[in-house]
Amino acid sequence: MSTLSRNVRVTREEIAHLARLSRLAVTDEELDLYAGQLSAVLDAVAQVQQAPVADVPPTTHAVPMTNVMRPDVTRPSLPRDVVLAGAPAAEDDRFRVPRILGEEE
């Protein structure tokens, strides 16, 4: 891998323009700070782009993914009257919830 010269520089004017587009208020000191920080990020991205990846197949994850599932086993649950006893409102052996979207009965 070749050595990358660090020449990606973001100007104060570019940062000020980005701040205006983003509707962010930044001070003069922040313009200098953010210009340096963004330049460093762009330098790092440029360096990563130089990595020899021609022989690396595209992947969606860095490590193989395996689903770990437990067997689906039926188990007894709480009785309906016990569950509904803790509900704020119940009606016809069901939870009563507010109507949504103007549905008709």
N, C-alpha and C. Protein backbone atom coordinates (compact mmCIF):
# COMPACT_ATOMS: atom_id res chain seq x y z
N MET A 1 0.85 -1.17 0.00
CA MET A 1 0.00 0.00 0.00
C MET A 1 0.90 1.23 0.00
N SER A 2 0.57 2.16 -0.87
CA SER A 2 1.38 3.37 -0.95
C SER A 2 1.05 4.32 0.19
N THR A 3 2.03 5.15 0.51
CA THR A 3 1.80 6.14 1.56
C THR A 3 0.96 7.27 0.99
N LEU A 4 -0.09 7.60 1.66
CA LEU A 4 -1.01 8.63 1.20
C LEU A 4 -0.57 9.98 1.73
N SER A 5 -0.41 10.94 0.84
CA SER A 5 -0.10 12.28 1.32
C SER A 5 -1.38 12.91 1.84
N ARG A 6 -1.28 13.54 2.97
CA ARG A 6 -2.46 14.14 3.60
C ARG A 6 -2.66 15.54 3.02
N ASN A 7 -3.50 15.61 2.01
CA ASN A 7 -3.73 16.89 1.37
C ASN A 7 -5.21 17.25 1.29
N VAL A 8 -6.05 16.51 1.99
CA VAL A 8 -7.47 16.83 2.01
C VAL A 8 -7.66 17.92 3.05
N ARG A 9 -7.98 19.11 2.59
CA ARG A 9 -8.16 20.24 3.51
C ARG A 9 -9.51 20.87 3.27
N VAL A 10 -10.19 21.12 4.35
CA VAL A 10 -11.49 21.79 4.30
C VAL A 10 -11.27 23.21 4.82
N THR A 11 -11.80 24.17 4.10
CA THR A 11 -11.58 25.57 4.48
C THR A 11 -12.66 26.05 5.45
N ARG A 12 -12.35 27.15 6.12
CA ARG A 12 -13.33 27.78 7.02
C ARG A 12 -14.58 28.16 6.23
N GLU A 13 -14.39 28.62 5.00
CA GLU A 13 -15.53 29.03 4.18
C GLU A 13 -16.44 27.83 3.88
N GLU A 14 -15.85 26.67 3.62
CA GLU A 14 -16.65 25.47 3.37
C GLU A 14 -17.43 25.05 4.62
N ILE A 15 -16.77 25.14 5.77
CA ILE A 15 -17.46 24.81 7.03
C ILE A 15 -18.58 25.80 7.28
N ALA A 16 -18.33 27.09 7.04
CA ALA A 16 -19.37 28.11 7.22
C ALA A 16 -20.54 27.84 6.29
N HIS A 17 -20.26 27.42 5.05
CA HIS A 17 -21.32 27.10 4.10
C HIS A 17 -22.14 25.90 4.58
N LEU A 18 -21.45 24.85 5.04
CA LEU A 18 -22.15 23.67 5.57
C LEU A 18 -23.00 24.05 6.78
N ALA A 19 -22.47 24.91 7.63
CA ALA A 19 -23.22 25.35 8.82
C ALA A 19 -24.48 26.10 8.41
N ARG A 20 -24.35 26.97 7.41
CA ARG A 20 -25.54 27.70 6.93
C ARG A 20 -26.58 26.74 6.36
N LEU A 21 -26.13 25.79 5.56
CA LEU A 21 -27.06 24.81 4.98
C LEU A 21 -27.76 23.99 6.07
N SER A 22 -27.03 23.72 7.14
CA SER A 22 -27.57 22.92 8.24
C SER A 22 -28.28 23.78 9.28
N ARG A 23 -28.29 25.07 9.05
CA ARG A 23 -28.89 26.03 9.99
C ARG A 23 -28.28 25.91 11.38
N LEU A 24 -26.94 25.82 11.41
CA LEU A 24 -26.21 25.75 12.66
C LEU A 24 -25.45 27.05 12.88
N ALA A 25 -25.50 27.56 14.08
CA ALA A 25 -24.72 28.74 14.43
C ALA A 25 -23.37 28.28 14.96
N VAL A 26 -22.30 28.72 14.31
CA VAL A 26 -20.96 28.35 14.76
C VAL A 26 -20.12 29.61 14.93
N THR A 27 -19.23 29.57 15.90
CA THR A 27 -18.35 30.70 16.16
C THR A 27 -17.12 30.61 15.26
N ASP A 28 -16.32 31.68 15.23
CA ASP A 28 -15.08 31.67 14.46
C ASP A 28 -14.14 30.58 14.95
N GLU A 29 -14.08 30.39 16.26
CA GLU A 29 -13.21 29.35 16.81
C GLU A 29 -13.69 27.97 16.37
N GLU A 30 -15.02 27.77 16.34
CA GLU A 30 -15.56 26.48 15.91
C GLU A 30 -15.29 26.23 14.43
N LEU A 31 -15.30 27.29 13.62
CA LEU A 31 -14.99 27.12 12.19
C LEU A 31 -13.60 26.52 12.03
N ASP A 32 -12.63 27.05 12.77
CA ASP A 32 -11.27 26.51 12.70
C ASP A 32 -11.22 25.08 13.22
N LEU A 33 -11.86 24.83 14.36
CA LEU A 33 -11.87 23.51 14.96
C LEU A 33 -12.50 22.49 14.02
N TYR A 34 -13.69 22.80 13.49
CA TYR A 34 -14.40 21.85 12.63
C TYR A 34 -13.68 21.64 11.30
N ALA A 35 -13.05 22.68 10.77
CA ALA A 35 -12.29 22.52 9.52
C ALA A 35 -11.16 21.51 9.73
N GLY A 36 -10.46 21.63 10.85
CA GLY A 36 -9.39 20.68 11.14
C GLY A 36 -9.91 19.27 11.36
N GLN A 37 -11.00 19.15 12.11
CA GLN A 37 -11.56 17.83 12.39
C GLN A 37 -12.07 17.16 11.12
N LEU A 38 -12.80 17.91 10.30
CA LEU A 38 -13.34 17.32 9.08
C LEU A 38 -12.22 16.96 8.11
N SER A 39 -11.17 17.77 8.06
CA SER A 39 -10.01 17.42 7.23
C SER A 39 -9.39 16.11 7.70
N ALA A 40 -9.28 15.92 9.00
CA ALA A 40 -8.72 14.67 9.54
C ALA A 40 -9.60 13.47 9.18
N VAL A 41 -10.91 13.64 9.24
CA VAL A 41 -11.82 12.55 8.88
C VAL A 41 -11.67 12.22 7.39
N LEU A 42 -11.64 13.24 6.55
CA LEU A 42 -11.50 13.00 5.11
C LEU A 42 -10.15 12.36 4.79
N ASP A 43 -9.09 12.75 5.50
CA ASP A 43 -7.79 12.10 5.33
C ASP A 43 -7.88 10.61 5.67
N ALA A 44 -8.57 10.29 6.76
CA ALA A 44 -8.71 8.89 7.17
C ALA A 44 -9.50 8.09 6.13
N VAL A 45 -10.54 8.69 5.60
CA VAL A 45 -11.34 8.01 4.57
C VAL A 45 -10.48 7.79 3.32
N ALA A 46 -9.71 8.79 2.94
CA ALA A 46 -8.84 8.65 1.77
C ALA A 46 -7.82 7.54 2.00
N GLN A 47 -7.33 7.42 3.20
CA GLN A 47 -6.36 6.37 3.52
C GLN A 47 -7.01 5.00 3.43
N VAL A 48 -8.22 4.86 3.93
CA VAL A 48 -8.93 3.58 3.86
C VAL A 48 -9.21 3.21 2.41
N GLN A 49 -9.49 4.21 1.58
CA GLN A 49 -9.76 3.93 0.17
C GLN A 49 -8.55 3.36 -0.56
N GLN A 50 -7.36 3.50 0.01
CA GLN A 50 -6.14 2.98 -0.59
C GLN A 50 -5.90 1.51 -0.24
N ALA A 51 -6.71 0.92 0.62
CA ALA A 51 -6.52 -0.47 1.04
C ALA A 51 -6.66 -1.41 -0.16
N PRO A 52 -5.79 -2.44 -0.26
CA PRO A 52 -5.88 -3.39 -1.37
C PRO A 52 -7.04 -4.37 -1.14
N VAL A 53 -8.15 -4.14 -1.77
CA VAL A 53 -9.34 -4.95 -1.53
C VAL A 53 -9.83 -5.68 -2.78
N ALA A 54 -9.02 -5.72 -3.81
CA ALA A 54 -9.45 -6.36 -5.06
C ALA A 54 -9.82 -7.82 -4.87
N ASP A 55 -9.13 -8.52 -3.96
CA ASP A 55 -9.38 -9.95 -3.75
C ASP A 55 -10.32 -10.22 -2.58
N VAL A 56 -10.94 -9.19 -2.03
CA VAL A 56 -11.83 -9.36 -0.88
C VAL A 56 -13.27 -9.39 -1.38
N PRO A 57 -13.98 -10.50 -1.14
CA PRO A 57 -15.37 -10.56 -1.61
C PRO A 57 -16.27 -9.64 -0.79
N PRO A 58 -17.29 -9.07 -1.42
CA PRO A 58 -18.22 -8.21 -0.67
C PRO A 58 -18.97 -9.02 0.38
N THR A 59 -19.18 -8.42 1.54
CA THR A 59 -19.91 -9.08 2.62
C THR A 59 -20.87 -8.10 3.26
N THR A 60 -21.83 -8.64 3.98
CA THR A 60 -22.75 -7.78 4.73
C THR A 60 -22.35 -7.70 6.19
N HIS A 61 -21.53 -8.66 6.66
CA HIS A 61 -21.08 -8.68 8.05
C HIS A 61 -19.61 -9.07 8.08
N ALA A 62 -18.89 -8.58 9.07
CA ALA A 62 -17.47 -8.90 9.18
C ALA A 62 -17.22 -10.34 9.59
N VAL A 63 -18.17 -10.93 10.30
CA VAL A 63 -18.06 -12.32 10.72
C VAL A 63 -19.31 -13.06 10.26
N PRO A 64 -19.21 -14.37 10.07
CA PRO A 64 -20.40 -15.12 9.65
C PRO A 64 -21.52 -14.99 10.67
N MET A 65 -22.74 -14.87 10.18
CA MET A 65 -23.91 -14.74 11.05
C MET A 65 -24.61 -16.09 11.14
N THR A 66 -24.97 -16.47 12.35
CA THR A 66 -25.71 -17.71 12.58
C THR A 66 -26.89 -17.39 13.49
N ASN A 67 -28.07 -17.80 13.07
CA ASN A 67 -29.24 -17.61 13.93
C ASN A 67 -29.23 -18.67 15.02
N VAL A 68 -29.39 -18.23 16.23
CA VAL A 68 -29.48 -19.14 17.36
C VAL A 68 -30.91 -19.07 17.86
N MET A 69 -31.64 -20.17 17.69
CA MET A 69 -33.05 -20.18 18.08
C MET A 69 -33.30 -21.34 19.02
N ARG A 70 -34.15 -21.08 19.96
CA ARG A 70 -34.53 -22.15 20.86
C ARG A 70 -35.74 -22.87 20.25
N PRO A 71 -35.95 -24.09 20.65
CA PRO A 71 -37.13 -24.80 20.13
C PRO A 71 -38.41 -24.10 20.60
N ASP A 72 -39.40 -24.09 19.76
CA ASP A 72 -40.68 -23.49 20.09
C ASP A 72 -41.49 -24.52 20.88
N VAL A 73 -41.62 -24.26 22.18
CA VAL A 73 -42.30 -25.19 23.06
C VAL A 73 -43.51 -24.49 23.67
N THR A 74 -44.64 -25.15 23.59
CA THR A 74 -45.86 -24.60 24.19
C THR A 74 -45.79 -24.74 25.69
N ARG A 75 -46.11 -23.64 26.40
CA ARG A 75 -46.11 -23.66 27.86
C ARG A 75 -47.41 -23.02 28.34
N PRO A 76 -47.86 -23.39 29.52
CA PRO A 76 -49.07 -22.76 30.04
C PRO A 76 -48.79 -21.29 30.36
N SER A 77 -49.81 -20.47 30.17
CA SER A 77 -49.66 -19.05 30.48
C SER A 77 -50.60 -18.69 31.64
N LEU A 78 -50.60 -17.42 31.99
CA LEU A 78 -51.48 -16.98 33.08
C LEU A 78 -52.94 -17.11 32.66
N PRO A 79 -53.81 -17.38 33.61
CA PRO A 79 -55.24 -17.42 33.28
C PRO A 79 -55.72 -16.02 32.85
N ARG A 80 -56.69 -15.98 31.97
CA ARG A 80 -57.19 -14.73 31.41
C ARG A 80 -57.67 -13.77 32.50
N ASP A 81 -58.37 -14.27 33.51
CA ASP A 81 -58.89 -13.38 34.55
C ASP A 81 -57.76 -12.73 35.36
N VAL A 82 -56.64 -13.44 35.54
CA VAL A 82 -55.50 -12.87 36.26
C VAL A 82 -54.86 -11.76 35.43
N VAL A 83 -54.71 -12.01 34.13
CA VAL A 83 -54.11 -11.02 33.25
C VAL A 83 -54.99 -9.78 33.18
N LEU A 84 -56.28 -9.96 32.97
CA LEU A 84 -57.19 -8.83 32.84
C LEU A 84 -57.36 -8.07 34.15
N ALA A 85 -57.10 -8.71 35.28
CA ALA A 85 -57.21 -8.04 36.58
C ALA A 85 -56.17 -6.91 36.70
N GLY A 86 -55.07 -7.03 35.99
CA GLY A 86 -54.04 -5.99 36.03
C GLY A 86 -54.20 -4.93 34.96
N ALA A 87 -55.21 -5.08 34.11
CA ALA A 87 -55.41 -4.12 33.02
C ALA A 87 -56.15 -2.88 33.52
N PRO A 88 -55.85 -1.71 32.96
CA PRO A 88 -56.57 -0.50 33.35
C PRO A 88 -58.06 -0.59 33.00
N ALA A 89 -58.37 -1.29 31.89
CA ALA A 89 -59.78 -1.45 31.49
C ALA A 89 -59.92 -2.75 30.71
N ALA A 90 -61.01 -3.46 30.96
CA ALA A 90 -61.30 -4.71 30.26
C ALA A 90 -62.77 -4.73 29.88
N GLU A 91 -63.05 -5.44 28.78
CA GLU A 91 -64.43 -5.56 28.31
C GLU A 91 -64.55 -6.83 27.49
N ASP A 92 -65.56 -7.64 27.74
CA ASP A 92 -65.80 -8.89 27.01
C ASP A 92 -64.56 -9.79 27.00
N ASP A 93 -63.93 -9.94 28.18
CA ASP A 93 -62.75 -10.78 28.34
C ASP A 93 -61.57 -10.34 27.45
N ARG A 94 -61.47 -9.03 27.17
CA ARG A 94 -60.37 -8.48 26.37
C ARG A 94 -59.91 -7.18 27.00
N PHE A 95 -58.69 -6.76 26.62
CA PHE A 95 -58.23 -5.45 27.04
C PHE A 95 -59.05 -4.40 26.31
N ARG A 96 -59.47 -3.36 27.03
CA ARG A 96 -60.17 -2.25 26.39
C ARG A 96 -59.14 -1.16 26.13
N VAL A 97 -59.05 -0.74 24.88
CA VAL A 97 -58.08 0.29 24.48
C VAL A 97 -58.82 1.39 23.75
N PRO A 98 -58.25 2.58 23.68
CA PRO A 98 -58.91 3.67 22.96
C PRO A 98 -59.07 3.34 21.47
N ARG A 99 -60.14 3.81 20.91
CA ARG A 99 -60.42 3.61 19.48
C ARG A 99 -59.40 4.44 18.67
N ILE A 100 -58.94 3.90 17.56
CA ILE A 100 -58.02 4.63 16.71
C ILE A 100 -58.53 4.67 15.28
N LEU A 101 -58.13 5.66 14.56
CA LEU A 101 -58.43 5.82 13.14
C LEU A 101 -59.92 5.85 12.84
N GLY A 102 -60.74 6.22 13.78
CA GLY A 102 -62.17 6.37 13.54
C GLY A 102 -62.85 5.10 13.08
N GLU A 103 -62.39 3.95 13.55
CA GLU A 103 -62.99 2.68 13.15
C GLU A 103 -64.41 2.56 13.68
N GLU A 104 -65.25 1.91 12.91
CA GLU A 104 -66.63 1.66 13.31
C GLU A 104 -66.70 0.36 14.09
N GLU A 105 -67.71 0.26 14.96
CA GLU A 105 -67.89 -0.99 15.71
C GLU A 105 -68.56 -2.02 14.86
